Amino acid sequence: MTIRNTRTGGQILIDQLVAQGVERVTCVPGESYLAALDALHDSPIDVVICRAEGGAAMMAEAYGKLTGRPGVCFVTRGPGATNASHGVHIAMQDSTPMILFVGQVDTGMREREAFQELDYKAVFGSMAKWAVEIDRPDRIPELVARAFRVAMQGRPGPVVIALPENMLTETAAVADAMRIEPAVSWPAPPDIERVGALLAGAKAPLVILGGSRWTDEATKSIARFAERFDLPVATSFRRASLIDADHSHYAGDLGIGPSPGLKARVDNADVILLIGGRMSEMPSSSYTLLDIPSPKQKLIHVHPGSEELGRIYQPELAIQATPAAFAAAVEALKPSGTVAWKGEAAKAHADYLAWTEKARELPGNFQYGQVMTWLRDRLPKDAIVCNGAGNYAGWIHRHHRFHSFASQLAPTSGSMGYGVPAGVLAKRQYPDRVVVAFAGDGCFLMNGQEFATAVQYDAPLIVIVVDNSQYGTIRMHQERDYPGRVVGTQLKNPDFAMYAKAFGGHGERVERTEEFAPAFERALASGKPSILHCIIDPRAISVGKDFTPAVKT
């Protein structure tokens, strides 16, 4: 290994990112890591300047979802780090590879509560896979390489690295680390034979896809596996792009408010093959779909992290393997004869189509469900659809159909404010693909300032703001549990179309259903980042039901 010439810690750090194939980083600049910023000046890495650390970290998380390599974010110490914690939490709960670099006080000032000083190991210790502070520049290659491995290997997740200011300006002569590829855990041949045997003895099997460490080829391989065995395939919460919605074996997604037919199919299954997912609170309908600790179904759980196997549900067969490795391993697996459940996959798909096809009538002039079904037919099959958290997302999950791998960017952690920054990053990463970001009025203003980032980088995504002048999810729960006692949920909003124009984008207000399609086409044709400000009746509280306010809204 060749020792490079003496370099500053900042230069060594950025050289490691280049060695790891990092193509872009997101950041909000800070004086605590100026030496690293200076090294970025002459590097080939694209620096995406963001307007708030939360948005910057969410963009990095979205990059990890799209590519499978860690998204990289730089923020300054103290409040910069705590603002970025939103993205770290998403990356942890969503099993997304991500690395957050945080400026830190000079090592000679530690333990004095110096300006913006934080103990990052303590702050992020329960939120990240690993948190570390680099004290010496000669250890940067070692620890950055380890960080990439930790972020990607096993169950992926976030790593937080603190960078003392003086360490970045000190010098060292040290070799760069090699490019890291994560270790791949493969299923043992007897495990694959056991999968075949369990399926052979089944009468009502079901496959559920979730988690991360998938590839496009792996999703296609599992689709072929499902075809050979005539298996119905469901996806877990916000992982719908793991199989083409048009596939004849797709049974729908297990998210918030899944179809009654799909819930019944889980309940009646005798063998469940869970690949990549954890069946956490949202896909398990608050841990009610499967018995804990021992499901009544024979559970085959495939997951790359050994700590997740048997963590909640004790499986009949635990297989520590990445989804991609498992998909490759079952390519040769074939049923021994006619399966007992033949025709069930077609029934499951027919149920899915019936559940999602037609939107119900809503109160008011703007029929959000009809808009979603129009978009379902209008968007290209490789379009990327993003959203944050809120009841507005229910219409996306119910009526949109995802067709291509990694085309759904949404936080399984339920974090608001995600859709816009994720959409900006997606459009920066894939400029030739249509990117649509949905946000509720409350959700949008949590990271809406990143619309300015879209304008700055000429990233013409389309943001659809669904405005009911309230934090709708919380209002729904409020009306259910404390009817007539409305507090903390009402919002007075700006004109979001004018907001878009003020930043230099395209903006239109949409009050009626028939206005949406032409407005969308004009936004697409504008070539600018756009906001369509859609006004929805506050009584249209969710995709499944309306409510009549007990008090005047």
Protein backbone atom coordinates (compact mmCIF):
# COMPACT_ATOMS: atom_id res chain seq x y z
CA MET A 1 0.00 0.00 0.00
CA THR A 2 1.49 3.33 -1.08
CA ILE A 3 1.82 6.03 1.58
CA ARG A 4 0.49 9.33 0.26
CA ASN A 5 2.33 12.61 0.76
CA THR A 6 1.68 14.53 3.94
CA ARG A 7 -1.85 15.92 3.91
CA THR A 8 -4.15 17.74 6.30
CA GLY A 9 -6.83 15.76 8.07
CA GLY A 10 -9.42 17.52 5.93
CA GLN A 11 -7.70 16.44 2.73
CA ILE A 12 -7.22 12.87 3.99
CA LEU A 13 -10.92 12.72 4.84
CA ILE A 14 -12.14 13.86 1.43
CA ASP A 15 -9.65 11.55 -0.30
CA GLN A 16 -11.27 8.66 1.59
CA LEU A 17 -14.70 9.63 0.28
CA VAL A 18 -13.32 9.69 -3.26
CA ALA A 19 -11.76 6.26 -2.66
CA GLN A 20 -15.16 4.97 -1.52
CA GLY A 21 -16.81 6.17 -4.71
CA VAL A 22 -18.83 8.97 -3.12
CA GLU A 23 -20.29 11.02 -5.95
CA ARG A 24 -22.13 13.68 -3.93
CA VAL A 25 -22.48 14.93 -0.40
CA THR A 26 -25.11 17.12 1.20
CA CYS A 27 -24.21 19.81 3.68
CA VAL A 28 -24.97 22.93 5.62
CA PRO A 29 -21.56 24.63 6.00
CA GLY A 30 -19.98 25.31 9.38
CA GLU A 31 -16.75 26.79 10.68
CA SER A 32 -16.05 23.59 12.61
CA TYR A 33 -15.17 21.66 9.45
CA LEU A 34 -13.74 24.37 7.18
CA ALA A 35 -10.67 22.27 6.35
CA ALA A 36 -12.89 19.50 4.99
CA LEU A 37 -14.93 22.02 2.99
CA ASP A 38 -11.71 23.40 1.53
CA ALA A 39 -10.64 19.91 0.47
CA LEU A 40 -13.99 19.43 -1.27
CA HIS A 41 -13.19 22.46 -3.46
CA ASP A 42 -10.75 20.49 -5.63
CA SER A 43 -12.45 17.10 -5.42
CA PRO A 44 -14.76 15.53 -8.03
CA ILE A 45 -17.52 15.21 -5.43
CA ASP A 46 -20.73 17.13 -6.07
CA VAL A 47 -21.52 19.30 -3.02
CA VAL A 48 -25.25 19.90 -2.53
CA ILE A 49 -25.71 22.97 -0.36
CA CYS A 50 -28.87 22.67 1.73
CA ARG A 51 -30.88 25.19 3.74
CA ALA A 52 -31.26 23.25 7.00
CA GLU A 53 -29.46 20.29 8.49
CA GLY A 54 -32.62 18.20 8.79
CA GLY A 55 -33.19 18.45 5.04
CA ALA A 56 -29.52 17.75 4.32
CA ALA A 57 -29.58 14.57 6.42
CA MET A 58 -32.84 13.39 4.84
CA MET A 59 -31.32 13.89 1.40
CA ALA A 60 -28.38 11.71 2.41
CA GLU A 61 -30.77 9.06 3.70
CA ALA A 62 -32.70 9.16 0.40
CA TYR A 63 -29.43 8.65 -1.47
CA GLY A 64 -28.81 5.52 0.59
CA LYS A 65 -32.27 4.20 -0.28
CA LEU A 66 -31.75 4.86 -3.99
CA THR A 67 -28.24 3.45 -4.37
CA GLY A 68 -27.51 1.05 -1.51
CA ARG A 69 -24.28 2.97 -0.76
CA PRO A 70 -24.10 5.34 2.21
CA GLY A 71 -25.46 8.80 1.71
CA VAL A 72 -22.96 11.31 3.13
CA CYS A 73 -23.90 14.48 4.98
CA PHE A 74 -21.75 17.17 6.61
CA VAL A 75 -23.07 19.44 9.36
CA THR A 76 -21.56 21.66 11.99
CA ARG A 77 -21.36 20.95 15.70
CA GLY A 78 -24.06 21.38 18.34
CA PRO A 79 -27.31 22.62 16.84
CA GLY A 80 -26.21 21.50 13.38
CA ALA A 81 -25.90 17.95 14.66
CA THR A 82 -29.15 17.94 16.61
CA ASN A 83 -31.00 19.33 13.59
CA ALA A 84 -29.55 16.50 11.50
CA SER A 85 -30.68 13.88 14.01
CA HIS A 86 -34.01 13.64 12.15
CA GLY A 87 -32.27 12.02 9.20
CA VAL A 88 -30.20 9.75 11.45
CA HIS A 89 -33.34 8.41 13.12
CA ILE A 90 -34.96 7.75 9.74
CA ALA A 91 -31.86 5.92 8.52
CA MET A 92 -31.86 3.72 11.62
CA GLN A 93 -35.53 2.74 11.53
CA ASP A 94 -35.51 2.39 7.74
CA SER A 95 -32.28 0.31 7.67
CA THR A 96 -30.58 2.77 5.31
CA PRO A 97 -26.79 3.17 4.95
CA MET A 98 -25.77 6.72 5.82
CA ILE A 99 -22.77 8.56 7.29
CA LEU A 100 -23.12 11.88 9.10
CA PHE A 101 -19.92 13.87 9.57
CA VAL A 102 -20.18 16.44 12.35
CA GLY A 103 -17.76 19.20 13.26
CA GLN A 104 -16.46 19.12 16.82
CA VAL A 105 -14.65 21.50 19.14
CA ASP A 106 -10.87 21.54 19.33
CA THR A 107 -9.62 18.54 21.32
CA GLY A 108 -7.94 20.90 23.78
CA MET A 109 -11.33 22.37 24.71
CA ARG A 110 -13.24 19.15 25.36
CA GLU A 111 -15.13 18.65 28.63
CA ARG A 112 -15.44 22.43 29.18
CA GLU A 113 -18.84 22.77 27.49
CA ALA A 114 -17.12 24.85 24.86
CA PHE A 115 -19.11 26.66 22.16
CA GLN A 116 -21.61 24.18 20.68
CA GLU A 117 -19.81 21.21 22.27
CA LEU A 118 -21.63 17.88 22.41
CA ASP A 119 -20.68 14.35 23.34
CA TYR A 120 -21.67 12.72 20.06
CA LYS A 121 -21.25 9.18 21.32
CA ALA A 122 -23.78 9.91 24.05
CA VAL A 123 -26.16 11.91 21.85
CA PHE A 124 -26.26 9.44 18.95
CA GLY A 125 -25.36 6.25 20.80
CA SER A 126 -28.91 4.88 20.80
CA MET A 127 -29.85 6.34 17.41
CA ALA A 128 -27.00 5.20 15.17
CA LYS A 129 -25.29 1.89 14.50
CA TRP A 130 -21.99 3.46 15.54
CA ALA A 131 -20.78 6.86 16.74
CA VAL A 132 -17.08 7.70 16.84
CA GLU A 133 -14.78 10.71 17.20
CA ILE A 134 -11.52 10.80 15.25
CA ASP A 135 -8.69 12.27 17.33
CA ARG A 136 -5.76 11.85 14.93
CA PRO A 137 -5.56 12.44 11.18
CA ASP A 138 -3.56 9.26 10.59
CA ARG A 139 -6.58 7.20 11.76
CA ILE A 140 -9.01 8.75 9.28
CA PRO A 141 -8.61 6.06 6.56
CA GLU A 142 -9.05 3.26 9.10
CA LEU A 143 -12.15 4.70 10.76
CA VAL A 144 -13.85 5.98 7.60
CA ALA A 145 -13.41 2.56 5.96
CA ARG A 146 -14.91 0.95 9.06
CA ALA A 147 -17.78 3.42 8.97
CA PHE A 148 -18.66 2.49 5.39
CA ARG A 149 -18.57 -1.18 6.32
CA VAL A 150 -20.72 -0.71 9.44
CA ALA A 151 -23.23 1.43 7.53
CA MET A 152 -23.71 -1.17 4.78
CA GLN A 153 -23.10 -4.51 6.45
CA GLY A 154 -25.65 -6.72 8.22
CA ARG A 155 -28.73 -4.58 8.78
CA PRO A 156 -27.70 -1.23 7.24
CA GLY A 157 -27.97 1.98 9.19
CA PRO A 158 -26.38 5.33 10.06
CA VAL A 159 -22.90 6.07 11.39
CA VAL A 160 -22.00 9.39 13.03
CA ILE A 161 -18.39 10.61 12.89
CA ALA A 162 -17.26 13.63 14.91
CA LEU A 163 -14.39 15.67 13.49
CA PRO A 164 -12.46 17.86 15.98
CA GLU A 165 -11.59 21.13 14.33
CA ASN A 166 -7.85 20.95 15.04
CA MET A 167 -7.63 17.34 13.86
CA LEU A 168 -8.77 18.46 10.40
CA THR A 169 -5.91 20.96 10.13
CA GLU A 170 -3.19 18.70 11.52
CA THR A 171 -1.12 16.72 9.01
CA ALA A 172 -0.16 13.10 8.51
CA ALA A 173 1.34 10.82 5.88
CA VAL A 174 -0.95 7.83 5.60
CA ALA A 175 -2.23 5.47 2.92
CA ASP A 176 -5.80 5.63 1.67
CA ALA A 177 -8.09 2.74 2.51
CA MET A 178 -9.40 0.49 -0.24
CA ARG A 179 -12.98 0.74 -1.48
CA ILE A 180 -15.29 -1.13 0.85
CA GLU A 181 -17.84 -3.66 -0.33
CA PRO A 182 -20.04 -5.08 2.43
CA ALA A 183 -19.81 -8.72 3.36
CA VAL A 184 -22.68 -10.74 1.93
CA SER A 185 -24.22 -13.46 4.07
CA TRP A 186 -25.49 -16.36 1.95
CA PRO A 187 -28.05 -18.99 2.92
CA ALA A 188 -26.70 -22.48 3.44
CA PRO A 189 -27.87 -25.08 0.89
CA PRO A 190 -29.73 -27.06 3.61
CA ASP A 191 -31.68 -23.89 4.44
CA ILE A 192 -32.82 -23.54 0.84
CA GLU A 193 -33.83 -27.21 0.83
CA ARG A 194 -35.81 -26.56 4.02
CA VAL A 195 -37.56 -23.62 2.36
CA GLY A 196 -38.63 -25.97 -0.42
CA ALA A 197 -39.80 -28.58 2.07
CA LEU A 198 -41.84 -26.07 4.10
CA LEU A 199 -43.48 -24.81 0.93
CA ALA A 200 -44.16 -28.36 -0.22
CA GLY A 201 -46.09 -28.99 2.99
CA ALA A 202 -47.99 -25.70 2.88
CA LYS A 203 -51.61 -25.12 1.96
CA ALA A 204 -51.74 -21.31 2.16
CA PRO A 205 -48.27 -19.71 1.92
CA LEU A 206 -47.54 -15.99 1.62
CA VAL A 207 -44.35 -14.06 0.79
CA ILE A 208 -43.73 -10.64 2.39
CA LEU A 209 -40.92 -8.40 1.07
CA GLY A 210 -39.35 -5.58 3.07
CA GLY A 211 -36.18 -4.05 4.41
CA SER A 212 -33.08 -3.03 2.49
CA ARG A 213 -30.05 -4.62 0.75
CA TRP A 214 -32.17 -5.41 -2.30
CA THR A 215 -31.11 -4.97 -5.91
CA ASP A 216 -33.18 -4.60 -9.04
CA GLU A 217 -32.12 -8.07 -10.15
CA ALA A 218 -33.02 -9.55 -6.75
CA THR A 219 -36.57 -8.21 -6.99
CA LYS A 220 -36.93 -9.75 -10.44
CA SER A 221 -35.51 -13.03 -9.17
CA ILE A 222 -38.07 -13.19 -6.34
CA ALA A 223 -40.83 -12.42 -8.84
CA ARG A 224 -39.70 -15.42 -10.91
CA PHE A 225 -39.57 -17.55 -7.75
CA ALA A 226 -43.15 -16.50 -6.96
CA GLU A 227 -44.23 -17.43 -10.48
CA ARG A 228 -42.70 -20.91 -10.26
CA PHE A 229 -44.44 -21.65 -6.95
CA ASP A 230 -47.56 -19.57 -7.73
CA LEU A 231 -47.00 -17.61 -4.49
CA PRO A 232 -48.89 -14.44 -3.55
CA VAL A 233 -46.42 -11.66 -2.69
CA ALA A 234 -47.08 -8.72 -0.38
CA THR A 235 -44.80 -5.83 0.50
CA SER A 236 -44.31 -4.25 3.91
CA PHE A 237 -44.93 -0.60 4.83
CA ARG A 238 -43.48 1.81 2.25
CA ARG A 239 -41.55 -0.92 0.41
CA ALA A 240 -44.05 -1.26 -2.44
CA SER A 241 -41.41 -0.80 -5.15
CA LEU A 242 -39.88 -4.21 -4.35
CA ILE A 243 -42.21 -5.78 -6.93
CA ASP A 244 -44.02 -4.41 -9.96
CA ALA A 245 -47.60 -3.63 -8.94
CA ASP A 246 -48.75 -5.04 -12.27
CA HIS A 247 -47.24 -8.43 -11.49
CA SER A 248 -49.93 -11.08 -11.48
CA HIS A 249 -48.82 -12.34 -8.04
CA TYR A 250 -48.77 -9.00 -6.19
CA ALA A 251 -51.16 -9.02 -3.23
CA GLY A 252 -50.68 -5.43 -1.97
CA ASP A 253 -48.84 -3.71 0.86
CA LEU A 254 -49.03 -4.22 4.60
CA GLY A 255 -49.00 -0.65 5.81
CA ILE A 256 -51.34 1.63 7.69
CA GLY A 257 -54.86 0.47 6.94
CA PRO A 258 -54.12 -2.57 4.78
CA SER A 259 -56.92 -4.17 2.82
CA PRO A 260 -59.13 -6.53 4.83
CA GLY A 261 -58.47 -9.22 2.23
CA LEU A 262 -54.71 -9.01 2.68
CA LYS A 263 -55.01 -9.04 6.48
CA ALA A 264 -57.15 -12.15 6.21
CA ARG A 265 -54.58 -13.73 3.91
CA VAL A 266 -51.87 -13.19 6.53
CA ASP A 267 -54.13 -14.57 9.26
CA ASN A 268 -55.03 -17.65 7.23
CA ALA A 269 -51.51 -18.38 5.99
CA ASP A 270 -49.82 -21.51 7.29
CA VAL A 271 -46.34 -20.55 5.99
CA ILE A 272 -45.01 -16.99 5.75
CA LEU A 273 -41.75 -16.26 3.99
CA LEU A 274 -40.56 -12.87 5.25
CA ILE A 275 -37.61 -11.61 3.20
CA GLY A 276 -35.62 -8.59 4.38
CA GLY A 277 -38.28 -7.03 6.59
CA ARG A 278 -38.77 -6.96 10.35
CA MET A 279 -42.59 -6.82 10.55
CA SER A 280 -42.32 -3.92 12.97
CA GLU A 281 -45.27 -1.88 14.26
CA MET A 282 -46.66 -0.43 11.03
CA PRO A 283 -46.61 -3.50 8.74
CA SER A 284 -47.81 -5.74 11.58
CA SER A 285 -50.83 -3.51 12.40
CA SER A 286 -49.37 -2.66 15.81
CA TYR A 287 -47.99 -6.18 16.34
CA THR A 288 -51.37 -7.86 15.91
CA LEU A 289 -50.93 -9.74 12.61
CA LEU A 290 -48.46 -12.30 13.96
CA ASP A 291 -48.49 -13.77 17.44
CA ILE A 292 -45.54 -12.88 19.70
CA PRO A 293 -43.24 -14.61 20.39
CA SER A 294 -44.38 -17.67 18.40
CA PRO A 295 -46.54 -17.03 15.32
CA LYS A 296 -49.20 -19.63 14.55
CA GLN A 297 -47.89 -19.59 10.97
CA LYS A 298 -44.63 -21.32 10.18
CA LEU A 299 -42.38 -18.29 9.75
CA ILE A 300 -39.34 -18.40 7.48
CA HIS A 301 -37.44 -15.20 8.28
CA VAL A 302 -34.64 -14.08 5.95
CA HIS A 303 -32.66 -11.09 7.20
CA PRO A 304 -29.03 -9.94 6.88
CA GLY A 305 -28.79 -9.00 10.57
CA SER A 306 -28.51 -11.90 13.01
CA GLU A 307 -29.82 -9.68 15.81
CA GLU A 308 -33.16 -9.34 14.01
CA LEU A 309 -33.76 -13.09 13.68
CA GLY A 310 -35.96 -14.04 16.61
CA ARG A 311 -35.87 -10.54 18.07
CA ILE A 312 -39.67 -10.31 18.12
CA TYR A 313 -40.99 -13.36 16.29
CA GLN A 314 -39.46 -16.78 16.80
CA PRO A 315 -39.20 -18.33 13.31
CA GLU A 316 -39.59 -21.92 12.22
CA LEU A 317 -36.54 -21.27 10.03
CA ALA A 318 -34.13 -18.36 10.49
CA ILE A 319 -31.85 -17.57 7.57
CA GLN A 320 -29.17 -14.92 7.97
CA ALA A 321 -28.76 -13.70 4.41
CA THR A 322 -29.16 -10.54 2.40
CA PRO A 323 -32.29 -10.40 0.26
CA ALA A 324 -30.11 -10.30 -2.85
CA ALA A 325 -28.20 -13.43 -1.81
CA PHE A 326 -31.38 -15.30 -0.88
CA ALA A 327 -32.98 -14.32 -4.19
CA ALA A 328 -29.99 -15.71 -6.07
CA ALA A 329 -30.03 -18.90 -4.01
CA VAL A 330 -33.67 -19.72 -4.74
CA GLU A 331 -33.26 -19.30 -8.49
CA ALA A 332 -32.80 -23.06 -8.81
CA LEU A 333 -35.58 -23.98 -6.37
CA LYS A 334 -38.63 -25.50 -8.05
CA PRO A 335 -41.83 -27.08 -6.77
CA SER A 336 -41.87 -30.87 -6.83
CA GLY A 337 -45.35 -31.00 -8.34
CA THR A 338 -48.65 -29.12 -8.48
CA VAL A 339 -48.91 -26.82 -5.49
CA ALA A 340 -51.88 -27.11 -3.14
CA TRP A 341 -52.63 -23.40 -3.28
CA LYS A 342 -52.69 -23.06 -7.06
CA GLY A 343 -54.69 -20.02 -8.18
CA GLU A 344 -54.42 -18.16 -4.86
CA ALA A 345 -51.88 -15.68 -6.21
CA ALA A 346 -54.27 -14.65 -8.98
CA LYS A 347 -57.05 -14.20 -6.43
CA ALA A 348 -54.77 -12.12 -4.23
CA HIS A 349 -53.84 -9.88 -7.15
CA ALA A 350 -57.48 -9.48 -8.14
CA ASP A 351 -58.28 -8.46 -4.56
CA TYR A 352 -55.43 -5.92 -4.67
CA LEU A 353 -56.69 -4.40 -7.93
CA ALA A 354 -60.24 -4.17 -6.60
CA TRP A 355 -59.04 -2.53 -3.37
CA THR A 356 -56.94 0.10 -5.15
CA GLU A 357 -58.69 0.72 -8.47
CA LYS A 358 -61.45 3.19 -7.69
CA ALA A 359 -61.26 6.14 -5.36
CA ARG A 360 -64.18 6.87 -3.07
CA GLU A 361 -66.06 10.16 -3.21
CA LEU A 362 -64.76 12.81 -0.81
CA PRO A 363 -66.39 15.91 0.64
CA GLY A 364 -65.49 19.06 -1.25
CA ASN A 365 -64.47 20.08 -4.75
CA PHE A 366 -61.03 18.49 -4.82
CA GLN A 367 -61.20 14.72 -5.19
CA TYR A 368 -57.74 13.68 -4.07
CA GLY A 369 -58.38 10.01 -4.81
CA GLN A 370 -59.33 10.77 -8.41
CA VAL A 371 -56.16 12.82 -8.75
CA MET A 372 -54.12 9.84 -7.53
CA THR A 373 -55.73 7.46 -10.00
CA TRP A 374 -55.09 9.98 -12.80
CA LEU A 375 -51.44 10.24 -11.77
CA ARG A 376 -51.23 6.45 -11.59
CA ASP A 377 -51.98 6.31 -15.31
CA ARG A 378 -50.07 9.46 -16.26
CA LEU A 379 -46.69 9.00 -14.58
CA PRO A 380 -43.92 7.07 -16.33
CA LYS A 381 -43.26 3.65 -14.84
CA ASP A 382 -39.83 4.76 -13.62
CA ALA A 383 -41.16 7.89 -11.90
CA ILE A 384 -39.93 8.39 -8.33
CA VAL A 385 -42.66 9.22 -5.82
CA CYS A 386 -41.70 10.70 -2.46
CA ASN A 387 -43.63 11.61 0.65
CA GLY A 388 -43.24 12.33 4.33
CA ALA A 389 -45.75 11.48 7.03
CA GLY A 390 -49.42 12.33 7.41
CA ASN A 391 -52.86 11.13 6.42
CA TYR A 392 -52.35 12.55 2.91
CA ALA A 393 -49.92 9.68 2.26
CA GLY A 394 -52.73 7.15 2.63
CA TRP A 395 -54.05 8.00 -0.84
CA ILE A 396 -50.58 7.33 -2.32
CA HIS A 397 -50.34 3.93 -0.66
CA ARG A 398 -53.90 3.01 -1.58
CA HIS A 399 -54.07 4.12 -5.21
CA HIS A 400 -50.60 4.61 -6.70
CA ARG A 401 -48.89 1.60 -8.25
CA PHE A 402 -45.12 1.37 -8.16
CA HIS A 403 -43.46 -0.41 -11.06
CA SER A 404 -39.69 0.02 -10.80
CA PHE A 405 -37.12 -0.71 -8.12
CA ALA A 406 -36.32 2.10 -5.65
CA SER A 407 -39.08 4.31 -7.01
CA GLN A 408 -40.70 4.85 -3.60
CA LEU A 409 -38.96 7.22 -1.18
CA ALA A 410 -40.86 7.44 2.09
CA PRO A 411 -39.83 7.06 5.73
CA THR A 412 -41.03 3.91 7.46
CA SER A 413 -40.17 5.81 10.65
CA GLY A 414 -43.08 8.17 9.97
CA SER A 415 -40.98 11.33 9.95
CA MET A 416 -42.66 14.47 8.65
CA GLY A 417 -40.83 16.80 6.29
CA TYR A 418 -39.17 14.02 4.28
CA GLY A 419 -40.80 14.25 0.87
CA VAL A 420 -39.32 17.53 -0.39
CA PRO A 421 -35.64 16.92 0.48
CA ALA A 422 -35.90 13.31 -0.73
CA GLY A 423 -37.39 14.55 -3.99
CA VAL A 424 -34.64 17.14 -4.46
CA LEU A 425 -31.94 14.49 -4.03
CA ALA A 426 -33.76 12.05 -6.31
CA LYS A 427 -34.00 14.62 -9.08
CA ARG A 428 -30.34 15.54 -8.62
CA GLN A 429 -29.41 11.86 -8.82
CA TYR A 430 -31.72 10.99 -11.71
CA PRO A 431 -32.33 14.18 -13.70
CA ASP A 432 -34.06 12.33 -16.56
CA ARG A 433 -36.72 10.73 -14.37
CA VAL A 434 -39.96 12.37 -13.27
CA VAL A 435 -39.91 13.03 -9.53
CA VAL A 436 -43.08 13.88 -7.62
CA ALA A 437 -42.98 14.76 -3.93
CA PHE A 438 -46.18 14.80 -1.90
CA ALA A 439 -46.55 16.76 1.32
CA GLY A 440 -49.34 17.80 3.60
CA ASP A 441 -49.48 21.45 4.56
CA GLY A 442 -47.97 20.67 7.95
CA CYS A 443 -45.42 18.27 6.47
CA PHE A 444 -44.28 20.70 3.77
CA LEU A 445 -43.32 23.54 6.08
CA MET A 446 -41.03 21.30 8.11
CA ASN A 447 -38.50 21.19 5.27
CA GLY A 448 -40.10 23.29 2.53
CA GLN A 449 -37.05 25.55 2.48
CA GLU A 450 -35.26 22.84 0.49
CA PHE A 451 -37.39 23.95 -2.45
CA ALA A 452 -34.74 26.69 -2.69
CA THR A 453 -32.13 23.94 -3.06
CA ALA A 454 -34.11 22.52 -5.97
CA VAL A 455 -34.14 25.92 -7.65
CA GLN A 456 -30.44 26.46 -7.02
CA TYR A 457 -29.52 23.15 -8.65
CA ASP A 458 -32.15 23.30 -11.40
CA ALA A 459 -33.81 20.13 -10.14
CA PRO A 460 -37.36 20.37 -11.55
CA LEU A 461 -39.29 18.08 -9.25
CA ILE A 462 -43.04 18.60 -8.79
CA VAL A 463 -44.25 19.09 -5.21
CA ILE A 464 -47.93 18.42 -4.55
CA VAL A 465 -49.01 20.14 -1.34
CA VAL A 466 -52.28 18.74 -0.01
CA ASP A 467 -53.66 21.51 2.18
CA ASN A 468 -56.47 20.92 4.68
CA SER A 469 -55.29 23.66 7.08
CA GLN A 470 -54.57 21.27 9.90
CA TYR A 471 -52.32 18.55 11.22
CA GLY A 472 -54.83 16.07 9.87
CA THR A 473 -53.59 12.82 11.40
CA ILE A 474 -53.55 14.27 14.89
CA ARG A 475 -56.90 16.00 14.34
CA MET A 476 -58.39 12.64 13.33
CA HIS A 477 -57.15 11.00 16.53
CA GLN A 478 -58.27 14.05 18.51
CA GLU A 479 -61.82 13.84 17.14
CA ARG A 480 -61.87 10.12 17.90
CA ASP A 481 -60.60 10.31 21.49
CA TYR A 482 -61.53 13.85 22.58
CA PRO A 483 -64.37 15.01 20.29
CA GLY A 484 -65.00 18.73 20.25
CA ARG A 485 -61.79 19.52 22.14
CA VAL A 486 -59.58 20.80 19.31
CA VAL A 487 -56.22 22.14 20.39
CA GLY A 488 -52.84 22.40 18.67
CA THR A 489 -53.92 21.07 15.28
CA GLN A 490 -55.29 24.07 13.33
CA LEU A 491 -53.03 25.80 10.80
CA LYS A 492 -53.15 29.10 8.93
CA ASN A 493 -51.13 28.55 5.78
CA PRO A 494 -49.39 30.74 3.22
CA ASP A 495 -50.11 30.69 -0.50
CA PHE A 496 -47.79 27.82 -1.45
CA ALA A 497 -48.04 28.63 -5.16
CA MET A 498 -46.70 32.12 -4.46
CA TYR A 499 -44.06 30.52 -2.24
CA ALA A 500 -42.82 28.55 -5.26
CA LYS A 501 -42.73 31.66 -7.42
CA ALA A 502 -40.88 33.62 -4.74
CA PHE A 503 -38.07 31.06 -4.91
CA GLY A 504 -37.98 31.18 -8.70
CA GLY A 505 -40.07 28.09 -9.36
CA HIS A 506 -43.44 27.39 -10.92
CA GLY A 507 -46.52 27.47 -8.71
CA GLU A 508 -50.27 27.00 -9.17
CA ARG A 509 -53.25 26.79 -6.86
CA VAL A 510 -55.66 23.91 -7.49
CA GLU A 511 -59.12 24.04 -5.89
CA ARG A 512 -61.11 21.69 -8.13
CA THR A 513 -60.38 18.19 -9.38
CA GLU A 514 -60.62 19.15 -13.05
CA GLU A 515 -57.95 21.83 -12.55
CA PHE A 516 -55.27 19.36 -11.48
CA ALA A 517 -54.36 17.56 -14.72
CA PRO A 518 -53.73 20.71 -16.80
CA ALA A 519 -51.84 22.28 -13.87
CA PHE A 520 -49.65 19.19 -13.59
CA GLU A 521 -48.89 19.26 -17.31
CA ARG A 522 -47.96 22.94 -17.13
CA ALA A 523 -45.68 22.24 -14.16
CA LEU A 524 -43.97 19.43 -16.04
CA ALA A 525 -43.58 21.58 -19.14
CA SER A 526 -42.19 24.54 -17.18
CA GLY A 527 -38.86 22.81 -16.61
CA LYS A 528 -38.77 24.41 -13.16
CA PRO A 529 -39.18 23.07 -9.65
CA SER A 530 -42.92 23.37 -9.11
CA ILE A 531 -45.52 23.43 -6.37
CA LEU A 532 -49.15 22.56 -6.95
CA HIS A 533 -51.08 23.91 -3.96
CA CYS A 534 -54.12 21.64 -3.71
CA ILE A 535 -56.98 22.62 -1.39
CA ILE A 536 -58.80 19.65 0.15
CA ASP A 537 -61.85 19.77 2.38
CA PRO A 538 -60.80 19.25 6.02
CA ARG A 539 -63.59 16.70 6.42
CA ALA A 540 -61.76 14.38 4.00
CA ILE A 541 -59.59 13.34 6.89
CA SER A 542 -58.28 10.02 5.57
CA VAL A 543 -58.38 7.67 2.61
CA GLY A 544 -60.84 5.46 4.45
CA LYS A 545 -63.27 7.81 6.18
CA ASP A 546 -64.53 11.36 6.57
CA PHE A 547 -65.39 13.20 9.73
CA THR A 548 -67.75 15.99 10.72
CA PRO A 549 -65.98 18.39 13.06
CA ALA A 550 -67.61 18.57 16.48
CA VAL A 551 -66.66 22.25 16.47
CA LYS A 552 -66.28 24.68 13.60
CA THR A 553 -62.97 24.24 11.83
